[in-house]
C-alpha atoms as a PDB file:
ATOM      1  CA  UNK A   1     -27.129 -33.702  67.459  1.00  0.00           C
ATOM      2  CA  UNK A   2     -27.828 -30.552  65.443  1.00  0.00           C
ATOM      3  CA  UNK A   3     -31.499 -29.655  65.075  1.00  0.00           C
ATOM      4  CA  UNK A   4     -32.279 -29.864  61.360  1.00  0.00           C
ATOM      5  CA  UNK A   5     -35.354 -27.657  61.682  1.00  0.00           C
ATOM      6  CA  UNK A   6     -33.606 -24.520  62.920  1.00  0.00           C
ATOM      7  CA  UNK A   7     -31.640 -21.984  60.911  1.00  0.00           C
ATOM      8  CA  UNK A   8     -28.991 -21.553  63.613  1.00  0.00           C
ATOM      9  CA  UNK A   9     -28.485 -23.282  66.912  1.00  0.00           C
ATOM     10  CA  UNK A  10     -25.880 -23.542  69.612  1.00  0.00           C
ATOM     11  CA  UNK A  11     -24.244 -26.941  69.392  1.00  0.00           C
ATOM     12  CA  UNK A  12     -25.060 -29.711  71.840  1.00  0.00           C
ATOM     13  CA  UNK A  13     -21.644 -31.357  71.472  1.00  0.00           C
ATOM     14  CA  UNK A  14     -18.141 -29.979  71.817  1.00  0.00           C
ATOM     15  CA  UNK A  15     -15.328 -30.266  69.317  1.00  0.00           C
ATOM     16  CA  UNK A  16     -12.229 -31.243  71.365  1.00  0.00           C
ATOM     17  CA  UNK A  17     -10.093 -28.172  72.117  1.00  0.00           C
ATOM     18  CA  UNK A  18      -6.863 -29.958  71.127  1.00  0.00           C
ATOM     19  CA  UNK A  19      -8.290 -30.555  67.663  1.00  0.00           C
ATOM     20  CA  UNK A  20      -9.393 -26.919  67.388  1.00  0.00           C
ATOM     21  CA  UNK A  21      -5.934 -25.681  68.390  1.00  0.00           C
ATOM     22  CA  UNK A  22      -4.290 -27.920  65.782  1.00  0.00           C
ATOM     23  CA  UNK A  23      -6.350 -26.452  62.964  1.00  0.00           C
ATOM     24  CA  UNK A  24      -5.925 -22.879  64.235  1.00  0.00           C
ATOM     25  CA  UNK A  25      -2.138 -23.271  64.209  1.00  0.00           C
ATOM     26  CA  UNK A  26      -2.275 -24.769  60.718  1.00  0.00           C
ATOM     27  CA  UNK A  27      -4.271 -21.841  59.353  1.00  0.00           C
ATOM     28  CA  UNK A  28      -2.943 -19.011  61.499  1.00  0.00           C
ATOM     29  CA  UNK A  29      -1.048 -17.521  58.553  1.00  0.00           C
ATOM     30  CA  UNK A  30      -4.176 -15.860  57.233  1.00  0.00           C
ATOM     31  CA  UNK A  31      -5.735 -12.405  57.741  1.00  0.00           C
ATOM     32  CA  UNK A  32      -7.459  -9.012  56.595  1.00  0.00           C
ATOM     33  CA  UNK A  33     -10.235  -6.474  56.717  1.00  0.00           C
ATOM     34  CA  UNK A  34     -13.056  -4.715  54.839  1.00  0.00           C
ATOM     35  CA  UNK A  35     -14.282  -1.147  54.627  1.00  0.00           C
ATOM     36  CA  UNK A  36     -17.998  -1.764  55.253  1.00  0.00           C
ATOM     37  CA  UNK A  37     -19.605  -3.971  57.845  1.00  0.00           C
ATOM     38  CA  UNK A  38     -20.911  -7.430  56.913  1.00  0.00           C
ATOM     39  CA  UNK A  39     -24.528  -8.326  57.689  1.00  0.00           C
ATOM     40  CA  UNK A  40     -24.976 -11.513  55.666  1.00  0.00           C
ATOM     41  CA  UNK A  41     -22.458 -13.955  54.200  1.00  0.00           C
ATOM     42  CA  UNK A  42     -23.268 -15.575  50.857  1.00  0.00           C
ATOM     43  CA  UNK A  43     -20.558 -18.121  50.160  1.00  0.00           C
ATOM     44  CA  UNK A  44     -19.805 -20.860  47.663  1.00  0.00           C
ATOM     45  CA  UNK A  45     -19.159 -24.161  49.479  1.00  0.00           C
ATOM     46  CA  UNK A  46     -15.992 -26.042  48.510  1.00  0.00           C
ATOM     47  CA  UNK A  47     -15.270 -29.456  50.040  1.00  0.00           C
ATOM     48  CA  UNK A  48     -11.807 -30.984  49.786  1.00  0.00           C
ATOM     49  CA  UNK A  49     -11.558 -34.073  47.584  1.00  0.00           C
ATOM     50  CA  UNK A  50     -10.141 -36.074  50.508  1.00  0.00           C
ATOM     51  CA  UNK A  51     -13.572 -35.964  52.226  1.00  0.00           C
ATOM     52  CA  UNK A  52     -15.939 -38.760  51.173  1.00  0.00           C
ATOM     53  CA  UNK A  53     -19.125 -36.778  50.620  1.00  0.00           C
ATOM     54  CA  UNK A  54     -21.178 -39.942  50.030  1.00  0.00           C
ATOM     55  CA  UNK A  55     -20.929 -40.693  53.765  1.00  0.00           C
ATOM     56  CA  UNK A  56     -22.080 -37.257  54.886  1.00  0.00           C
ATOM     57  CA  UNK A  57     -25.621 -36.445  55.991  1.00  0.00           C
ATOM     58  CA  UNK A  58     -27.547 -33.406  57.216  1.00  0.00           C
ATOM     59  CA  UNK A  59     -25.220 -33.144  60.243  1.00  0.00           C
ATOM     60  CA  UNK A  60     -22.431 -31.982  57.902  1.00  0.00           C
ATOM     61  CA  UNK A  61     -22.030 -28.231  58.193  1.00  0.00           C
ATOM     62  CA  UNK A  62     -20.115 -25.307  59.650  1.00  0.00           C
ATOM     63  CA  UNK A  63     -19.410 -24.476  63.295  1.00  0.00           C
ATOM     64  CA  UNK A  64     -18.772 -20.848  64.206  1.00  0.00           C
ATOM     65  CA  UNK A  65     -17.145 -19.878  67.500  1.00  0.00           C
ATOM     66  CA  UNK A  66     -15.508 -16.884  69.212  1.00  0.00           C
ATOM     67  CA  UNK A  67     -11.806 -15.931  69.421  1.00  0.00           C
ATOM     68  CA  UNK A  68     -10.990 -12.951  71.665  1.00  0.00           C
ATOM     69  CA  UNK A  69      -7.848 -10.924  72.382  1.00  0.00           C
ATOM     70  CA  UNK A  70      -6.641 -10.683  68.803  1.00  0.00           C
ATOM     71  CA  UNK A  71      -7.070 -12.004  65.278  1.00  0.00           C
ATOM     72  CA  UNK A  72      -5.477 -15.368  66.089  1.00  0.00           C
ATOM     73  CA  UNK A  73      -5.924 -17.623  69.087  1.00  0.00           C
ATOM     74  CA  UNK A  74      -7.978 -20.376  70.667  1.00  0.00           C
ATOM     75  CA  UNK A  75     -11.776 -20.225  70.413  1.00  0.00           C
ATOM     76  CA  UNK A  76     -13.768 -19.997  73.610  1.00  0.00           C
ATOM     77  CA  UNK A  77     -15.509 -23.120  74.925  1.00  0.00           C
ATOM     78  CA  UNK A  78     -18.841 -21.409  74.213  1.00  0.00           C
ATOM     79  CA  UNK A  79     -20.937 -20.069  72.630  1.00  0.00           C
ATOM     80  CA  UNK A  80     -20.790 -21.758  69.251  1.00  0.00           C
ATOM     81  CA  UNK A  81     -23.266 -22.106  66.393  1.00  0.00           C
ATOM     82  CA  UNK A  82     -23.967 -24.729  63.749  1.00  0.00           C
ATOM     83  CA  UNK A  83     -25.538 -24.590  60.307  1.00  0.00           C
ATOM     84  CA  UNK A  84     -26.048 -27.606  58.086  1.00  0.00           C
ATOM     85  CA  UNK A  85     -24.929 -27.532  54.458  1.00  0.00           C
ATOM     86  CA  UNK A  86     -27.532 -30.051  53.296  1.00  0.00           C
ATOM     87  CA  UNK A  87     -27.066 -30.618  49.580  1.00  0.00           C
ATOM     88  CA  UNK A  88     -26.516 -26.947  48.807  1.00  0.00           C
ATOM     89  CA  UNK A  89     -23.629 -25.540  46.782  1.00  0.00           C
ATOM     90  CA  UNK A  90     -24.101 -22.092  48.331  1.00  0.00           C
ATOM     91  CA  UNK A  91     -24.705 -21.067  51.927  1.00  0.00           C
ATOM     92  CA  UNK A  92     -26.234 -17.889  53.313  1.00  0.00           C
ATOM     93  CA  UNK A  93     -25.383 -16.917  56.891  1.00  0.00           C
ATOM     94  CA  UNK A  94     -27.100 -14.048  58.674  1.00  0.00           C
ATOM     95  CA  UNK A  95     -24.903 -12.560  61.398  1.00  0.00           C
ATOM     96  CA  UNK A  96     -27.872 -11.074  63.250  1.00  0.00           C
ATOM     97  CA  UNK A  97     -28.112 -14.027  65.665  1.00  0.00           C
ATOM     98  CA  UNK A  98     -24.401 -13.795  66.492  1.00  0.00           C
ATOM     99  CA  UNK A  99     -24.077 -10.051  66.994  1.00  0.00           C
ATOM    100  CA  UNK A 100     -25.375  -9.784  70.565  1.00  0.00           C
ATOM    101  CA  UNK A 101     -22.974 -12.475  71.780  1.00  0.00           C
ATOM    102  CA  UNK A 102     -20.030 -10.874  69.975  1.00  0.00           C
ATOM    103  CA  UNK A 103     -20.871  -7.447  71.362  1.00  0.00           C
ATOM    104  CA  UNK A 104     -20.866  -8.980  74.855  1.00  0.00           C
ATOM    105  CA  UNK A 105     -17.731 -11.121  74.443  1.00  0.00           C
ATOM    106  CA  UNK A 106     -15.462  -8.744  72.487  1.00  0.00           C
ATOM    107  CA  UNK A 107     -12.336  -7.668  74.404  1.00  0.00           C
ATOM    108  CA  UNK A 108      -9.434  -5.258  73.906  1.00  0.00           C
ATOM    109  CA  UNK A 109      -6.382  -6.684  72.180  1.00  0.00           C
ATOM    110  CA  UNK A 110      -4.395  -8.790  74.635  1.00  0.00           C
ATOM    111  CA  UNK A 111      -1.224  -7.480  76.331  1.00  0.00           C
ATOM    112  CA  UNK A 112       0.661 -10.373  74.757  1.00  0.00           C
ATOM    113  CA  UNK A 113      -0.297  -9.249  71.242  1.00  0.00           C
ATOM    114  CA  UNK A 114       0.362  -5.581  72.075  1.00  0.00           C
ATOM    115  CA  UNK A 115       3.809  -6.440  73.449  1.00  0.00           C
ATOM    116  CA  UNK A 116       4.651  -8.133  70.145  1.00  0.00           C
ATOM    117  CA  UNK A 117       4.118  -4.842  68.336  1.00  0.00           C
ATOM    118  CA  UNK A 118       0.469  -4.883  67.235  1.00  0.00           C
ATOM    119  CA  UNK A 119      -0.931  -1.357  67.641  1.00  0.00           C
ATOM    120  CA  UNK A 120      -4.641  -0.545  67.755  1.00  0.00           C
ATOM    121  CA  UNK A 121      -6.205   2.926  68.022  1.00  0.00           C
ATOM    122  CA  UNK A 122      -8.267   3.741  69.987  1.00  0.00           C
ATOM    123  CA  UNK A 123      -6.574   1.518  72.549  1.00  0.00           C
ATOM    124  CA  UNK A 124      -9.866   0.576  74.208  1.00  0.00           C
ATOM    125  CA  UNK A 125     -11.242  -0.923  70.969  1.00  0.00           C
ATOM    126  CA  UNK A 126     -12.843  -4.319  71.560  1.00  0.00           C
ATOM    127  CA  UNK A 127     -12.823  -7.086  68.973  1.00  0.00           C
ATOM    128  CA  UNK A 128     -13.657 -10.770  68.532  1.00  0.00           C
ATOM    129  CA  UNK A 129     -12.964 -13.051  65.580  1.00  0.00           C
ATOM    130  CA  UNK A 130     -15.367 -15.665  64.209  1.00  0.00           C
ATOM    131  CA  UNK A 131     -13.709 -19.107  64.225  1.00  0.00           C
ATOM    132  CA  UNK A 132     -14.706 -21.692  61.602  1.00  0.00           C
ATOM    133  CA  UNK A 133     -14.633 -25.499  61.598  1.00  0.00           C
ATOM    134  CA  UNK A 134     -16.238 -27.985  59.264  1.00  0.00           C
ATOM    135  CA  UNK A 135     -18.331 -30.444  61.303  1.00  0.00           C
ATOM    136  CA  UNK A 136     -18.597 -33.865  59.644  1.00  0.00           C
ATOM    137  CA  UNK A 137     -21.170 -35.576  61.876  1.00  0.00           C
ATOM    138  CA  UNK A 138     -22.945 -35.409  65.232  1.00  0.00           C
ATOM    139  CA  UNK A 139     -20.029 -37.123  67.011  1.00  0.00           C
ATOM    140  CA  UNK A 140     -18.014 -33.904  66.767  1.00  0.00           C
ATOM    141  CA  UNK A 141     -15.584 -35.013  64.039  1.00  0.00           C
ATOM    142  CA  UNK A 142     -14.148 -31.896  62.414  1.00  0.00           C
ATOM    143  CA  UNK A 143     -12.101 -30.725  59.479  1.00  0.00           C
ATOM    144  CA  UNK A 144     -10.317 -27.430  59.097  1.00  0.00           C
ATOM    145  CA  UNK A 145     -12.440 -24.745  57.531  1.00  0.00           C
ATOM    146  CA  UNK A 146     -12.442 -21.090  56.691  1.00  0.00           C
ATOM    147  CA  UNK A 147     -13.210 -18.377  54.167  1.00  0.00           C
ATOM    148  CA  UNK A 148     -11.363 -17.263  51.026  1.00  0.00           C
ATOM    149  CA  UNK A 149     -12.009 -14.640  48.385  1.00  0.00           C
ATOM    150  CA  UNK A 150     -12.194 -15.274  44.650  1.00  0.00           C
ATOM    151  CA  UNK A 151      -8.451 -14.674  44.313  1.00  0.00           C
ATOM    152  CA  UNK A 152      -7.488 -17.336  46.851  1.00  0.00           C
ATOM    153  CA  UNK A 153      -6.675 -14.948  49.721  1.00  0.00           C
ATOM    154  CA  UNK A 154      -7.756 -16.040  53.186  1.00  0.00           C
ATOM    155  CA  UNK A 155     -10.552 -14.082  54.841  1.00  0.00           C
ATOM    156  CA  UNK A 156     -11.087 -13.607  58.564  1.00  0.00           C
ATOM    157  CA  UNK A 157     -14.418 -12.372  59.898  1.00  0.00           C
ATOM    158  CA  UNK A 158     -13.948 -10.037  62.879  1.00  0.00           C
ATOM    159  CA  UNK A 159     -16.333  -8.016  65.041  1.00  0.00           C
ATOM    160  CA  UNK A 160     -15.169  -4.522  66.118  1.00  0.00           C
ATOM    161  CA  UNK A 161     -17.033  -2.357  68.611  1.00  0.00           C
ATOM    162  CA  UNK A 162     -15.971   0.971  67.046  1.00  0.00           C
ATOM    163  CA  UNK A 163     -14.087   2.677  64.239  1.00  0.00           C
ATOM    164  CA  UNK A 164     -10.388   1.843  64.592  1.00  0.00           C
ATOM    165  CA  UNK A 165      -7.000   1.213  62.989  1.00  0.00           C
ATOM    166  CA  UNK A 166      -4.599  -1.692  63.501  1.00  0.00           C
ATOM    167  CA  UNK A 167      -0.967  -1.380  62.414  1.00  0.00           C
ATOM    168  CA  UNK A 168       2.469  -2.796  63.080  1.00  0.00           C
ATOM    169  CA  UNK A 169       4.810  -5.505  61.833  1.00  0.00           C
ATOM    170  CA  UNK A 170       5.551  -8.602  63.900  1.00  0.00           C
ATOM    171  CA  UNK A 171       7.163 -11.975  63.263  1.00  0.00           C
ATOM    172  CA  UNK A 172       4.671 -14.753  62.620  1.00  0.00           C
ATOM    173  CA  UNK A 173       5.530 -18.279  61.414  1.00  0.00           C
ATOM    174  CA  UNK A 174       9.125 -17.035  60.931  1.00  0.00           C
ATOM    175  CA  UNK A 175       7.935 -14.355  58.501  1.00  0.00           C
ATOM    176  CA  UNK A 176       7.180 -10.625  58.833  1.00  0.00           C
ATOM    177  CA  UNK A 177       3.444 -10.078  59.347  1.00  0.00           C
ATOM    178  CA  UNK A 178       2.226  -6.553  58.571  1.00  0.00           C
ATOM    179  CA  UNK A 179      -1.100  -5.167  59.832  1.00  0.00           C
ATOM    180  CA  UNK A 180      -2.713  -2.427  57.712  1.00  0.00           C
ATOM    181  CA  UNK A 181      -6.346  -2.468  58.847  1.00  0.00           C
ATOM    182  CA  UNK A 182      -8.774   0.438  58.901  1.00  0.00           C
ATOM    183  CA  UNK A 183     -12.317  -0.086  60.199  1.00  0.00           C
ATOM    184  CA  UNK A 184     -14.868   2.666  59.545  1.00  0.00           C
ATOM    185  CA  UNK A 185     -17.677   1.576  61.890  1.00  0.00           C
ATOM    186  CA  UNK A 186     -18.671  -1.013  64.475  1.00  0.00           C
ATOM    187  CA  UNK A 187     -19.863  -4.427  63.317  1.00  0.00           C
ATOM    188  CA  UNK A 188     -18.526  -7.486  61.528  1.00  0.00           C
ATOM    189  CA  UNK A 189     -15.794  -6.908  58.933  1.00  0.00           C
ATOM    190  CA  UNK A 190     -13.790  -9.101  56.600  1.00  0.00           C
ATOM    191  CA  UNK A 191     -10.020  -9.132  57.004  1.00  0.00           C
ATOM    192  CA  UNK A 192      -8.056 -10.303  53.964  1.00  0.00           C
ATOM    193  CA  UNK A 193      -4.803 -12.187  54.467  1.00  0.00           C
ATOM    194  CA  UNK A 194      -2.259 -12.237  51.653  1.00  0.00           C
ATOM    195  CA  UNK A 195       0.522 -14.823  51.877  1.00  0.00           C
ATOM    196  CA  UNK A 196       3.580 -13.692  49.926  1.00  0.00           C
ATOM    197  CA  UNK A 197       6.843 -15.542  49.369  1.00  0.00           C
ATOM    198  CA  UNK A 198       8.725 -13.808  52.164  1.00  0.00           C
ATOM    199  CA  UNK A 199       5.995 -12.068  54.157  1.00  0.00           C
ATOM    200  CA  UNK A 200       2.368 -11.996  55.265  1.00  0.00           C
ATOM    201  CA  UNK A 201       0.023  -9.015  55.027  1.00  0.00           C
ATOM    202  CA  UNK A 202      -3.291  -8.161  56.657  1.00  0.00           C
ATOM    203  CA  UNK A 203      -5.078  -5.495  54.650  1.00  0.00           C
ATOM    204  CA  UNK A 204      -8.398  -3.686  54.750  1.00  0.00           C
ATOM    205  CA  UNK A 205      -8.629  -3.657  50.952  1.00  0.00           C
ATOM    206  CA  UNK A 206     -10.732  -6.316  49.240  1.00  0.00           C
ATOM    207  CA  UNK A 207      -9.630  -7.644  45.852  1.00  0.00           C
ATOM    208  CA  UNK A 208     -12.735  -9.732  45.161  1.00  0.00           C
ATOM    209  CA  UNK A 209     -16.335  -9.675  46.382  1.00  0.00           C
ATOM    210  CA  UNK A 210     -16.627 -13.451  45.985  1.00  0.00           C
ATOM    211  CA  UNK A 211     -16.585 -15.460  49.219  1.00  0.00           C
ATOM    212  CA  UNK A 212     -15.730 -19.169  49.357  1.00  0.00           C
ATOM    213  CA  UNK A 213     -16.324 -21.325  52.436  1.00  0.00           C
ATOM    214  CA  UNK A 214     -13.917 -24.264  52.335  1.00  0.00           C
ATOM    215  CA  UNK A 215     -13.866 -27.459  54.382  1.00  0.00           C
ATOM    216  CA  UNK A 216     -10.623 -29.447  54.382  1.00  0.00           C
ATOM    217  CA  UNK A 217      -7.560 -28.236  52.514  1.00  0.00           C
ATOM    218  CA  UNK A 218      -8.217 -24.827  50.896  1.00  0.00           C
ATOM    219  CA  UNK A 219      -8.329 -24.895  47.095  1.00  0.00           C
ATOM    220  CA  UNK A 220      -7.870 -21.795  44.959  1.00  0.00           C
END
């Protein structure tokens, strides 16, 4: 079970991959990016009303993992990190402990994604996305989870190994998905995903500096 005395730790249990894939598919219509790199996340915690918080204990928290090959996909089996929420309404996450692993695990965009029409320059740019799941207890029960900004747009947290640009329009969830991402330096960056009526957009422009970490159904 998670060690309550440590700030971060790699989990000693595994969330079933089938469950992870289900939540990734459900929330794969998100996306975006930020101009400056992110060193620390300070986020307001929002828990869906369907979750009975009276039954939760110090094992309730957030699991972060690694997705390679693009902005969407299946997280790797390891490594993964856990941080307990406790009774806090805000959470602060330092990315220092994650950076070495992300530098090592980042990969170029996959051929599959490139063949769909996603273009990244320079072509040898390596990236890795931070996956997010709400962990309910030490048995590995999970809920969907993720980040939003103050305007209700989804946020993805992605590590890039160099300055780069991502562009192109592909079909995703039966809708056009447009990439307009410009990264000015290596490191972790936010990517903002705007869901419109007839299209999806990934942009490097932030509308709000507020960050919300949600567990369960996202609420704006």
